[in-house]
Amino acid sequence: MIATLGPTFLRPRFTVADVVRLATLVSVPVAAVGWGSTSFAVMALALFGVVVPRALGLRPAFDLAVCLLVLLAGWSSALEWYTSVFLWDKVVHVVLTGLLAALLAVIAADLQLVPHAPDAGRVAVALLVFCAGLAIGAVWEMCEWLGHNYVDSAIFVGYDDTIGDLAADGLGGLLVGFALPWLAASREVVRRR
């Protein structure tokens, strides 16, 4: 897997998701100048999040969905939509965490830690992605807590918010997990000769 990441990322094929990747790259300095260091850190993380799908050679629809949601999530943080738009936080947790959990399952399958989604049973894959969603959510909530306590007290945390976010993460993982066999079926991976 590691040997294919670079060549797959550098393949000459240009997609709509690459436009979103470029927009994310531009968003990093814009967020830093306009919204400060916390937004810079979030956008830098978003930049990493949009690079990984191309390096994995994901199906164009999967690639584009991840990139759009990652960029939207980054700007939602900078623009404080999570605290100002009713239920926006939960919607993003369901959709984005579900997609990221599916992405994690693809990576785990490439590392031969779990079976490839098209080869495994749909329920088993959905449960795997559900667990990955909960794991991603748990790490994210710990990072939010650390950010709130040691970086910027404006980062919103609270017991009800955390439990609701984790429930949304699990639901997103479960829903996207049922779609993963289709999402992971068609990939464009460049192998060195």
N, C-alpha and C. Protein backbone atom coordinates (compact mmCIF):
# COMPACT_ATOMS: atom_id res chain seq x y z
N MET A 1 0.81 -1.19 0.00
CA MET A 1 0.00 0.00 0.00
C MET A 1 0.86 1.26 0.00
N ILE A 2 1.87 1.32 0.86
CA ILE A 2 2.69 2.52 1.00
C ILE A 2 3.36 2.86 -0.34
N ALA A 3 3.81 1.86 -1.06
CA ALA A 3 4.48 2.10 -2.34
C ALA A 3 3.56 2.69 -3.40
N THR A 4 2.26 2.52 -3.26
CA THR A 4 1.34 3.01 -4.28
C THR A 4 0.79 4.40 -3.98
N LEU A 5 0.96 4.90 -2.75
CA LEU A 5 0.35 6.18 -2.37
C LEU A 5 0.86 7.34 -3.22
N GLY A 6 2.19 7.46 -3.35
CA GLY A 6 2.77 8.56 -4.12
C GLY A 6 2.39 8.52 -5.60
N PRO A 7 2.64 7.39 -6.27
CA PRO A 7 2.28 7.31 -7.69
C PRO A 7 0.78 7.50 -7.93
N THR A 8 -0.05 7.00 -7.03
CA THR A 8 -1.50 7.16 -7.19
C THR A 8 -1.87 8.63 -7.02
N PHE A 9 -1.29 9.30 -6.03
CA PHE A 9 -1.58 10.71 -5.82
C PHE A 9 -1.14 11.54 -7.03
N LEU A 10 -0.01 11.20 -7.62
CA LEU A 10 0.57 11.98 -8.72
C LEU A 10 0.06 11.58 -10.10
N ARG A 11 -0.89 10.64 -10.18
CA ARG A 11 -1.40 10.23 -11.49
C ARG A 11 -1.93 11.46 -12.24
N PRO A 12 -1.82 11.47 -13.55
CA PRO A 12 -2.18 12.67 -14.32
C PRO A 12 -3.67 12.95 -14.43
N ARG A 13 -4.50 12.04 -14.01
CA ARG A 13 -5.95 12.23 -14.12
C ARG A 13 -6.42 13.35 -13.20
N PHE A 14 -7.14 14.33 -13.75
CA PHE A 14 -7.67 15.47 -12.99
C PHE A 14 -9.16 15.27 -12.79
N THR A 15 -9.64 15.48 -11.57
CA THR A 15 -11.05 15.27 -11.25
C THR A 15 -11.64 16.53 -10.61
N VAL A 16 -12.94 16.53 -10.45
CA VAL A 16 -13.63 17.64 -9.77
C VAL A 16 -13.13 17.75 -8.33
N ALA A 17 -12.84 16.62 -7.71
CA ALA A 17 -12.34 16.63 -6.33
C ALA A 17 -11.02 17.39 -6.23
N ASP A 18 -10.24 17.42 -7.32
CA ASP A 18 -8.98 18.17 -7.31
C ASP A 18 -9.24 19.67 -7.21
N VAL A 19 -10.35 20.13 -7.74
CA VAL A 19 -10.72 21.55 -7.59
C VAL A 19 -11.00 21.84 -6.12
N VAL A 20 -11.67 20.91 -5.44
CA VAL A 20 -11.95 21.07 -4.02
C VAL A 20 -10.65 21.02 -3.22
N ARG A 21 -9.71 20.16 -3.63
CA ARG A 21 -8.41 20.12 -2.95
C ARG A 21 -7.69 21.46 -3.09
N LEU A 22 -7.75 22.05 -4.27
CA LEU A 22 -7.13 23.35 -4.49
C LEU A 22 -7.81 24.41 -3.62
N ALA A 23 -9.14 24.38 -3.54
CA ALA A 23 -9.87 25.32 -2.70
C ALA A 23 -9.48 25.15 -1.23
N THR A 24 -9.23 23.92 -0.81
CA THR A 24 -8.81 23.66 0.57
C THR A 24 -7.41 24.22 0.81
N LEU A 25 -6.53 24.04 -0.16
CA LEU A 25 -5.17 24.59 -0.05
C LEU A 25 -5.22 26.11 0.11
N VAL A 26 -6.05 26.77 -0.69
CA VAL A 26 -6.19 28.22 -0.61
C VAL A 26 -6.84 28.62 0.72
N SER A 27 -7.72 27.78 1.23
CA SER A 27 -8.42 28.08 2.48
C SER A 27 -7.50 28.13 3.69
N VAL A 28 -6.37 27.42 3.64
CA VAL A 28 -5.47 27.39 4.80
C VAL A 28 -4.97 28.80 5.14
N PRO A 29 -4.32 29.52 4.21
CA PRO A 29 -3.87 30.88 4.58
C PRO A 29 -5.02 31.86 4.77
N VAL A 30 -6.10 31.69 4.01
CA VAL A 30 -7.25 32.58 4.17
C VAL A 30 -7.83 32.45 5.58
N ALA A 31 -7.99 31.23 6.06
CA ALA A 31 -8.52 31.00 7.40
C ALA A 31 -7.56 31.53 8.46
N ALA A 32 -6.26 31.36 8.23
CA ALA A 32 -5.27 31.84 9.19
C ALA A 32 -5.32 33.36 9.32
N VAL A 33 -5.38 34.05 8.20
CA VAL A 33 -5.40 35.51 8.21
C VAL A 33 -6.74 36.04 8.73
N GLY A 34 -7.82 35.46 8.25
CA GLY A 34 -9.14 35.98 8.59
C GLY A 34 -9.71 35.52 9.92
N TRP A 35 -9.33 34.32 10.37
CA TRP A 35 -9.97 33.75 11.56
C TRP A 35 -9.01 33.28 12.64
N GLY A 36 -7.72 33.37 12.43
CA GLY A 36 -6.75 33.08 13.48
C GLY A 36 -6.17 31.68 13.48
N SER A 37 -5.40 31.43 14.53
CA SER A 37 -4.60 30.20 14.59
C SER A 37 -5.43 28.93 14.73
N THR A 38 -6.54 28.99 15.44
CA THR A 38 -7.38 27.79 15.59
C THR A 38 -7.95 27.40 14.23
N SER A 39 -8.42 28.37 13.46
CA SER A 39 -8.96 28.08 12.13
C SER A 39 -7.86 27.60 11.19
N PHE A 40 -6.64 28.15 11.35
CA PHE A 40 -5.51 27.67 10.57
C PHE A 40 -5.28 26.18 10.84
N ALA A 41 -5.28 25.80 12.12
CA ALA A 41 -5.04 24.39 12.48
C ALA A 41 -6.13 23.49 11.92
N VAL A 42 -7.38 23.93 12.01
CA VAL A 42 -8.49 23.14 11.48
C VAL A 42 -8.36 22.98 9.97
N MET A 43 -8.02 24.06 9.26
CA MET A 43 -7.88 23.98 7.80
C MET A 43 -6.66 23.16 7.38
N ALA A 44 -5.60 23.22 8.17
CA ALA A 44 -4.44 22.37 7.87
C ALA A 44 -4.82 20.90 8.00
N LEU A 45 -5.61 20.58 9.01
CA LEU A 45 -6.12 19.21 9.16
C LEU A 45 -7.03 18.84 7.99
N ALA A 46 -7.84 19.80 7.56
CA ALA A 46 -8.72 19.57 6.41
C ALA A 46 -7.89 19.30 5.15
N LEU A 47 -6.78 20.00 5.00
CA LEU A 47 -5.91 19.78 3.84
C LEU A 47 -5.41 18.34 3.81
N PHE A 48 -5.01 17.83 4.97
CA PHE A 48 -4.61 16.43 5.06
C PHE A 48 -5.77 15.52 4.67
N GLY A 49 -6.96 15.88 5.14
CA GLY A 49 -8.14 15.07 4.87
C GLY A 49 -8.54 14.99 3.41
N VAL A 50 -8.18 16.02 2.62
CA VAL A 50 -8.53 15.97 1.19
C VAL A 50 -7.43 15.35 0.34
N VAL A 51 -6.24 15.22 0.90
CA VAL A 51 -5.13 14.60 0.16
C VAL A 51 -5.24 13.08 0.18
N VAL A 52 -5.63 12.53 1.32
CA VAL A 52 -5.66 11.07 1.50
C VAL A 52 -6.54 10.35 0.46
N PRO A 53 -7.77 10.85 0.16
CA PRO A 53 -8.59 10.10 -0.81
C PRO A 53 -7.95 9.98 -2.19
N ARG A 54 -7.24 11.01 -2.64
CA ARG A 54 -6.58 10.93 -3.95
C ARG A 54 -5.43 9.92 -3.90
N ALA A 55 -4.68 9.93 -2.80
CA ALA A 55 -3.56 8.99 -2.66
C ALA A 55 -4.05 7.54 -2.63
N LEU A 56 -5.29 7.33 -2.19
CA LEU A 56 -5.84 5.98 -2.15
C LEU A 56 -6.50 5.58 -3.47
N GLY A 57 -6.66 6.54 -4.39
CA GLY A 57 -7.27 6.24 -5.69
C GLY A 57 -8.74 5.85 -5.58
N LEU A 58 -9.46 6.51 -4.70
CA LEU A 58 -10.85 6.16 -4.46
C LEU A 58 -11.74 6.44 -5.67
N ARG A 59 -12.86 5.78 -5.70
CA ARG A 59 -13.91 6.04 -6.69
C ARG A 59 -14.18 7.55 -6.70
N PRO A 60 -14.32 8.18 -7.87
CA PRO A 60 -14.51 9.64 -7.93
C PRO A 60 -15.64 10.18 -7.05
N ALA A 61 -16.75 9.48 -6.95
CA ALA A 61 -17.86 9.96 -6.12
C ALA A 61 -17.47 9.95 -4.63
N PHE A 62 -16.78 8.92 -4.19
CA PHE A 62 -16.32 8.80 -2.81
C PHE A 62 -15.29 9.89 -2.52
N ASP A 63 -14.34 10.06 -3.42
CA ASP A 63 -13.31 11.07 -3.31
C ASP A 63 -13.93 12.47 -3.19
N LEU A 64 -14.84 12.79 -4.08
CA LEU A 64 -15.47 14.11 -4.08
C LEU A 64 -16.29 14.33 -2.81
N ALA A 65 -17.03 13.32 -2.38
CA ALA A 65 -17.85 13.46 -1.17
C ALA A 65 -16.97 13.75 0.05
N VAL A 66 -15.87 13.01 0.20
CA VAL A 66 -14.96 13.24 1.33
C VAL A 66 -14.40 14.66 1.26
N CYS A 67 -13.91 15.05 0.09
CA CYS A 67 -13.29 16.37 -0.05
C CYS A 67 -14.27 17.50 0.23
N LEU A 68 -15.46 17.41 -0.32
CA LEU A 68 -16.47 18.46 -0.08
C LEU A 68 -16.83 18.56 1.40
N LEU A 69 -17.04 17.41 2.04
CA LEU A 69 -17.45 17.43 3.45
C LEU A 69 -16.33 17.89 4.35
N VAL A 70 -15.09 17.52 4.04
CA VAL A 70 -13.96 17.96 4.85
C VAL A 70 -13.80 19.48 4.74
N LEU A 71 -13.88 20.02 3.54
CA LEU A 71 -13.77 21.47 3.36
C LEU A 71 -14.93 22.19 4.04
N LEU A 72 -16.13 21.67 3.87
CA LEU A 72 -17.31 22.26 4.50
C LEU A 72 -17.18 22.23 6.03
N ALA A 73 -16.68 21.13 6.56
CA ALA A 73 -16.51 21.02 8.01
C ALA A 73 -15.48 22.03 8.52
N GLY A 74 -14.40 22.21 7.76
CA GLY A 74 -13.38 23.18 8.16
C GLY A 74 -13.94 24.59 8.20
N TRP A 75 -14.67 24.98 7.16
CA TRP A 75 -15.25 26.32 7.13
C TRP A 75 -16.39 26.46 8.13
N SER A 76 -17.09 25.38 8.42
CA SER A 76 -18.14 25.43 9.44
C SER A 76 -17.55 25.77 10.80
N SER A 77 -16.34 25.28 11.05
CA SER A 77 -15.66 25.62 12.30
C SER A 77 -15.25 27.09 12.31
N ALA A 78 -14.60 27.53 11.24
CA ALA A 78 -14.14 28.92 11.17
C ALA A 78 -15.30 29.91 11.28
N LEU A 79 -16.40 29.58 10.64
CA LEU A 79 -17.56 30.48 10.63
C LEU A 79 -18.51 30.26 11.81
N GLU A 80 -18.13 29.34 12.70
CA GLU A 80 -18.89 29.03 13.92
C GLU A 80 -20.32 28.55 13.66
N TRP A 81 -20.50 27.82 12.57
CA TRP A 81 -21.81 27.27 12.26
C TRP A 81 -22.22 26.17 13.23
N TYR A 82 -21.23 25.50 13.81
CA TYR A 82 -21.55 24.40 14.72
C TYR A 82 -22.34 24.87 15.94
N THR A 83 -22.08 26.10 16.36
CA THR A 83 -22.78 26.62 17.53
C THR A 83 -23.90 27.58 17.15
N SER A 84 -23.96 28.02 15.90
CA SER A 84 -24.98 29.00 15.53
C SER A 84 -26.10 28.45 14.63
N VAL A 85 -25.87 27.33 13.97
CA VAL A 85 -26.88 26.74 13.08
C VAL A 85 -27.43 25.48 13.75
N PHE A 86 -28.72 25.47 13.98
CA PHE A 86 -29.38 24.37 14.69
C PHE A 86 -29.11 23.02 14.04
N LEU A 87 -28.58 22.09 14.82
CA LEU A 87 -28.29 20.70 14.44
C LEU A 87 -27.21 20.54 13.37
N TRP A 88 -26.57 21.63 12.95
CA TRP A 88 -25.53 21.53 11.92
C TRP A 88 -24.41 20.60 12.38
N ASP A 89 -24.02 20.73 13.65
CA ASP A 89 -22.96 19.90 14.21
C ASP A 89 -23.30 18.41 14.05
N LYS A 90 -24.54 18.05 14.33
CA LYS A 90 -24.92 16.63 14.26
C LYS A 90 -24.95 16.14 12.81
N VAL A 91 -25.43 16.97 11.91
CA VAL A 91 -25.47 16.58 10.48
C VAL A 91 -24.06 16.31 9.98
N VAL A 92 -23.14 17.21 10.30
CA VAL A 92 -21.75 17.01 9.85
C VAL A 92 -21.15 15.78 10.51
N HIS A 93 -21.44 15.57 11.78
CA HIS A 93 -20.92 14.37 12.44
C HIS A 93 -21.43 13.09 11.76
N VAL A 94 -22.68 13.05 11.41
CA VAL A 94 -23.22 11.85 10.75
C VAL A 94 -22.53 11.63 9.40
N VAL A 95 -22.55 12.64 8.55
CA VAL A 95 -22.08 12.46 7.17
C VAL A 95 -20.56 12.38 7.09
N LEU A 96 -19.87 13.35 7.67
CA LEU A 96 -18.41 13.37 7.53
C LEU A 96 -17.76 12.21 8.28
N THR A 97 -18.17 11.97 9.50
CA THR A 97 -17.55 10.86 10.24
C THR A 97 -17.86 9.53 9.56
N GLY A 98 -19.05 9.38 9.01
CA GLY A 98 -19.35 8.17 8.26
C GLY A 98 -18.39 7.97 7.10
N LEU A 99 -18.15 9.04 6.35
CA LEU A 99 -17.22 8.95 5.21
C LEU A 99 -15.79 8.69 5.67
N LEU A 100 -15.38 9.37 6.75
CA LEU A 100 -14.02 9.15 7.25
C LEU A 100 -13.85 7.74 7.81
N ALA A 101 -14.89 7.21 8.44
CA ALA A 101 -14.82 5.83 8.95
C ALA A 101 -14.70 4.85 7.78
N ALA A 102 -15.41 5.12 6.69
CA ALA A 102 -15.30 4.27 5.50
C ALA A 102 -13.89 4.36 4.92
N LEU A 103 -13.33 5.56 4.92
CA LEU A 103 -11.97 5.77 4.45
C LEU A 103 -10.98 4.97 5.31
N LEU A 104 -11.20 4.99 6.61
CA LEU A 104 -10.36 4.23 7.53
C LEU A 104 -10.48 2.72 7.26
N ALA A 105 -11.68 2.26 6.94
CA ALA A 105 -11.88 0.84 6.62
C ALA A 105 -11.15 0.46 5.33
N VAL A 106 -11.12 1.37 4.35
CA VAL A 106 -10.37 1.11 3.11
C VAL A 106 -8.88 0.99 3.42
N ILE A 107 -8.37 1.89 4.25
CA ILE A 107 -6.95 1.83 4.63
C ILE A 107 -6.65 0.54 5.38
N ALA A 108 -7.51 0.16 6.31
CA ALA A 108 -7.31 -1.08 7.07
C ALA A 108 -7.33 -2.30 6.14
N ALA A 109 -8.20 -2.27 5.13
CA ALA A 109 -8.24 -3.38 4.17
C ALA A 109 -6.97 -3.40 3.32
N ASP A 110 -6.47 -2.22 2.92
CA ASP A 110 -5.23 -2.16 2.15
C ASP A 110 -4.05 -2.70 2.96
N LEU A 111 -4.09 -2.49 4.27
CA LEU A 111 -3.03 -3.01 5.15
C LEU A 111 -3.28 -4.46 5.55
N GLN A 112 -4.33 -5.05 5.00
CA GLN A 112 -4.72 -6.44 5.23
C GLN A 112 -5.06 -6.72 6.69
N LEU A 113 -5.62 -5.71 7.36
CA LEU A 113 -6.07 -5.88 8.73
C LEU A 113 -7.51 -6.38 8.78
N VAL A 114 -8.27 -6.05 7.75
CA VAL A 114 -9.67 -6.48 7.61
C VAL A 114 -9.88 -6.84 6.14
N PRO A 115 -10.92 -7.61 5.83
CA PRO A 115 -11.18 -7.94 4.42
C PRO A 115 -11.64 -6.69 3.64
N HIS A 116 -11.37 -6.69 2.34
CA HIS A 116 -11.85 -5.61 1.48
C HIS A 116 -13.37 -5.63 1.48
N ALA A 117 -13.96 -4.45 1.53
CA ALA A 117 -15.41 -4.33 1.65
C ALA A 117 -16.18 -5.10 0.57
N PRO A 118 -15.76 -5.03 -0.72
CA PRO A 118 -16.54 -5.78 -1.71
C PRO A 118 -16.52 -7.29 -1.48
N ASP A 119 -15.50 -7.78 -0.75
CA ASP A 119 -15.37 -9.22 -0.53
C ASP A 119 -16.02 -9.69 0.77
N ALA A 120 -16.31 -8.77 1.67
CA ALA A 120 -16.88 -9.13 2.98
C ALA A 120 -18.39 -8.96 2.95
N GLY A 121 -19.07 -9.50 3.91
CA GLY A 121 -20.51 -9.35 3.99
C GLY A 121 -20.91 -7.92 4.33
N ARG A 122 -22.03 -7.48 3.79
CA ARG A 122 -22.48 -6.10 3.96
C ARG A 122 -22.70 -5.74 5.44
N VAL A 123 -23.27 -6.64 6.22
CA VAL A 123 -23.52 -6.37 7.63
C VAL A 123 -22.20 -6.28 8.40
N ALA A 124 -21.29 -7.20 8.12
CA ALA A 124 -19.98 -7.17 8.79
C ALA A 124 -19.24 -5.87 8.49
N VAL A 125 -19.30 -5.43 7.24
CA VAL A 125 -18.64 -4.18 6.86
C VAL A 125 -19.31 -3.00 7.56
N ALA A 126 -20.63 -2.98 7.60
CA ALA A 126 -21.35 -1.89 8.26
C ALA A 126 -20.99 -1.82 9.75
N LEU A 127 -20.87 -2.97 10.40
CA LEU A 127 -20.50 -2.98 11.82
C LEU A 127 -19.06 -2.52 12.01
N LEU A 128 -18.18 -2.90 11.11
CA LEU A 128 -16.79 -2.45 11.16
C LEU A 128 -16.72 -0.92 11.03
N VAL A 129 -17.44 -0.37 10.07
CA VAL A 129 -17.41 1.07 9.83
C VAL A 129 -18.11 1.81 10.98
N PHE A 130 -19.15 1.19 11.56
CA PHE A 130 -19.79 1.74 12.75
C PHE A 130 -18.76 1.90 13.87
N CYS A 131 -17.98 0.86 14.12
CA CYS A 131 -16.96 0.91 15.17
C CYS A 131 -15.88 1.94 14.83
N ALA A 132 -15.51 2.02 13.56
CA ALA A 132 -14.52 3.03 13.15
C ALA A 132 -15.08 4.43 13.37
N GLY A 133 -16.35 4.63 13.09
CA GLY A 133 -16.99 5.93 13.34
C GLY A 133 -16.95 6.31 14.80
N LEU A 134 -17.24 5.35 15.67
CA LEU A 134 -17.17 5.61 17.12
C LEU A 134 -15.74 5.93 17.55
N ALA A 135 -14.78 5.21 16.98
CA ALA A 135 -13.38 5.45 17.34
C ALA A 135 -12.93 6.84 16.88
N ILE A 136 -13.26 7.21 15.65
CA ILE A 136 -12.92 8.55 15.16
C ILE A 136 -13.58 9.61 16.02
N GLY A 137 -14.85 9.39 16.35
CA GLY A 137 -15.57 10.33 17.19
C GLY A 137 -14.95 10.48 18.56
N ALA A 138 -14.52 9.39 19.16
CA ALA A 138 -13.91 9.44 20.49
C ALA A 138 -12.62 10.26 20.45
N VAL A 139 -11.79 10.01 19.45
CA VAL A 139 -10.54 10.77 19.31
C VAL A 139 -10.85 12.25 19.08
N TRP A 140 -11.83 12.53 18.21
CA TRP A 140 -12.19 13.92 17.93
C TRP A 140 -12.68 14.63 19.19
N GLU A 141 -13.51 13.97 19.98
CA GLU A 141 -14.04 14.59 21.19
C GLU A 141 -12.93 14.84 22.21
N MET A 142 -11.95 13.94 22.29
CA MET A 142 -10.81 14.18 23.18
C MET A 142 -10.01 15.38 22.70
N CYS A 143 -9.82 15.49 21.38
CA CYS A 143 -9.10 16.64 20.83
C CYS A 143 -9.86 17.94 21.08
N GLU A 144 -11.19 17.90 20.96
CA GLU A 144 -12.00 19.08 21.28
C GLU A 144 -11.80 19.48 22.74
N TRP A 145 -11.81 18.51 23.63
CA TRP A 145 -11.62 18.80 25.05
C TRP A 145 -10.25 19.42 25.30
N LEU A 146 -9.21 18.82 24.70
CA LEU A 146 -7.85 19.37 24.84
C LEU A 146 -7.78 20.79 24.28
N GLY A 147 -8.39 20.98 23.10
CA GLY A 147 -8.41 22.31 22.49
C GLY A 147 -9.11 23.33 23.37
N HIS A 148 -10.24 22.93 23.94
CA HIS A 148 -11.00 23.83 24.82
C HIS A 148 -10.18 24.22 26.06
N ASN A 149 -9.50 23.25 26.64
CA ASN A 149 -8.77 23.49 27.89
C ASN A 149 -7.38 24.10 27.72
N TYR A 150 -6.73 23.84 26.57
CA TYR A 150 -5.34 24.27 26.43
C TYR A 150 -5.06 25.19 25.24
N VAL A 151 -6.04 25.36 24.35
CA VAL A 151 -5.79 26.20 23.16
C VAL A 151 -6.71 27.41 23.14
N ASP A 152 -8.02 27.16 23.11
CA ASP A 152 -8.99 28.24 22.96
C ASP A 152 -10.28 27.84 23.67
N SER A 153 -10.61 28.55 24.74
CA SER A 153 -11.80 28.19 25.51
C SER A 153 -13.09 28.41 24.74
N ALA A 154 -13.02 29.05 23.56
CA ALA A 154 -14.21 29.23 22.73
C ALA A 154 -14.63 27.93 22.04
N ILE A 155 -13.73 26.93 21.98
CA ILE A 155 -14.09 25.63 21.41
C ILE A 155 -15.14 25.02 22.31
N PHE A 156 -16.31 24.74 21.74
CA PHE A 156 -17.45 24.30 22.54
C PHE A 156 -17.33 22.83 22.89
N VAL A 157 -17.44 22.54 24.20
CA VAL A 157 -17.51 21.16 24.68
C VAL A 157 -18.57 21.09 25.77
N GLY A 158 -19.09 19.93 25.96
CA GLY A 158 -20.09 19.71 27.01
C GLY A 158 -20.54 18.26 26.95
N TYR A 159 -21.01 17.74 28.05
CA TYR A 159 -21.39 16.34 28.13
C TYR A 159 -22.46 15.98 27.10
N ASP A 160 -23.54 16.75 27.06
CA ASP A 160 -24.63 16.46 26.12
C ASP A 160 -24.14 16.53 24.68
N ASP A 161 -23.30 17.54 24.39
CA ASP A 161 -22.75 17.69 23.04
C ASP A 161 -21.89 16.48 22.68
N THR A 162 -21.05 16.06 23.60
CA THR A 162 -20.15 14.93 23.34
C THR A 162 -20.93 13.64 23.09
N ILE A 163 -21.90 13.35 23.93
CA ILE A 163 -22.69 12.12 23.76
C ILE A 163 -23.48 12.18 22.45
N GLY A 164 -24.08 13.32 22.15
CA GLY A 164 -24.80 13.48 20.89
C GLY A 164 -23.90 13.32 19.68
N ASP A 165 -22.69 13.89 19.77
CA ASP A 165 -21.74 13.77 18.66
C ASP A 165 -21.32 12.31 18.46
N LEU A 166 -21.06 11.60 19.55
CA LEU A 166 -20.66 10.19 19.43
C LEU A 166 -21.78 9.34 18.85
N ALA A 167 -23.01 9.61 19.25
CA ALA A 167 -24.15 8.88 18.67
C ALA A 167 -24.25 9.17 17.18
N ALA A 168 -24.07 10.43 16.78
CA ALA A 168 -24.10 10.79 15.37
C ALA A 168 -22.95 10.13 14.60
N ASP A 169 -21.77 10.05 15.21
CA ASP A 169 -20.62 9.40 14.58
C ASP A 169 -20.90 7.92 14.31
N GLY A 170 -21.47 7.25 15.30
CA GLY A 170 -21.81 5.83 15.13
C GLY A 170 -22.86 5.63 14.06
N LEU A 171 -23.89 6.47 14.07
CA LEU A 171 -24.94 6.37 13.05
C LEU A 171 -24.37 6.60 11.65
N GLY A 172 -23.51 7.61 11.51
CA GLY A 172 -22.89 7.86 10.21
C GLY A 172 -22.05 6.69 9.74
N GLY A 173 -21.27 6.11 10.66
CA GLY A 173 -20.47 4.94 10.30
C GLY A 173 -21.33 3.78 9.85
N LEU A 174 -22.42 3.54 10.55
CA LEU A 174 -23.31 2.44 10.20
C LEU A 174 -23.94 2.66 8.82
N LEU A 175 -24.46 3.86 8.58
CA LEU A 175 -25.12 4.15 7.29
C LEU A 175 -24.15 4.08 6.12
N VAL A 176 -23.00 4.72 6.27
CA VAL A 176 -22.02 4.70 5.18
C VAL A 176 -21.41 3.30 5.05
N GLY A 177 -21.34 2.57 6.15
CA GLY A 177 -20.81 1.21 6.10
C GLY A 177 -21.60 0.31 5.16
N PHE A 178 -22.93 0.50 5.11
CA PHE A 178 -23.73 -0.30 4.18
C PHE A 178 -23.42 0.06 2.72
N ALA A 179 -22.95 1.28 2.48
CA ALA A 179 -22.61 1.70 1.11
C ALA A 179 -21.16 1.42 0.75
N LEU A 180 -20.34 1.06 1.72
CA LEU A 180 -18.91 0.89 1.47
C LEU A 180 -18.56 -0.16 0.41
N PRO A 181 -19.25 -1.29 0.35
CA PRO A 181 -18.90 -2.23 -0.72
C PRO A 181 -18.98 -1.59 -2.11
N TRP A 182 -19.95 -0.71 -2.34
CA TRP A 182 -20.04 0.00 -3.62
C TRP A 182 -18.95 1.08 -3.70
N LEU A 183 -18.78 1.85 -2.62
CA LEU A 183 -17.80 2.93 -2.63
C LEU A 183 -16.38 2.44 -2.87
N ALA A 184 -16.05 1.29 -2.29
CA ALA A 184 -14.68 0.77 -2.38
C ALA A 184 -14.44 -0.15 -3.57
N ALA A 185 -15.46 -0.39 -4.37
CA ALA A 185 -15.35 -1.39 -5.45
C ALA A 185 -14.48 -0.93 -6.60
N SER A 186 -14.50 0.32 -6.95
CA SER A 186 -13.79 0.80 -8.13
C SER A 186 -12.74 1.82 -7.73
N ARG A 187 -11.47 1.38 -7.73
CA ARG A 187 -10.38 2.28 -7.35
C ARG A 187 -9.35 2.34 -8.46
N GLU A 188 -8.65 3.45 -8.53
CA GLU A 188 -7.60 3.64 -9.52
C GLU A 188 -6.26 3.77 -8.80
N VAL A 189 -5.63 2.63 -8.55
CA VAL A 189 -4.37 2.60 -7.83
C VAL A 189 -3.24 2.38 -8.84
N VAL A 190 -2.23 3.25 -8.79
CA VAL A 190 -1.07 3.16 -9.70
C VAL A 190 0.01 2.35 -9.00
N ARG A 191 0.40 1.26 -9.63
CA ARG A 191 1.46 0.43 -9.06
C ARG A 191 2.74 0.61 -9.85
N ARG A 192 3.86 0.68 -9.14
CA ARG A 192 5.16 0.83 -9.80
C ARG A 192 5.51 -0.44 -10.55
N ARG A 193 6.18 -0.26 -11.66
CA ARG A 193 6.56 -1.43 -12.47
C ARG A 193 7.86 -2.00 -11.98
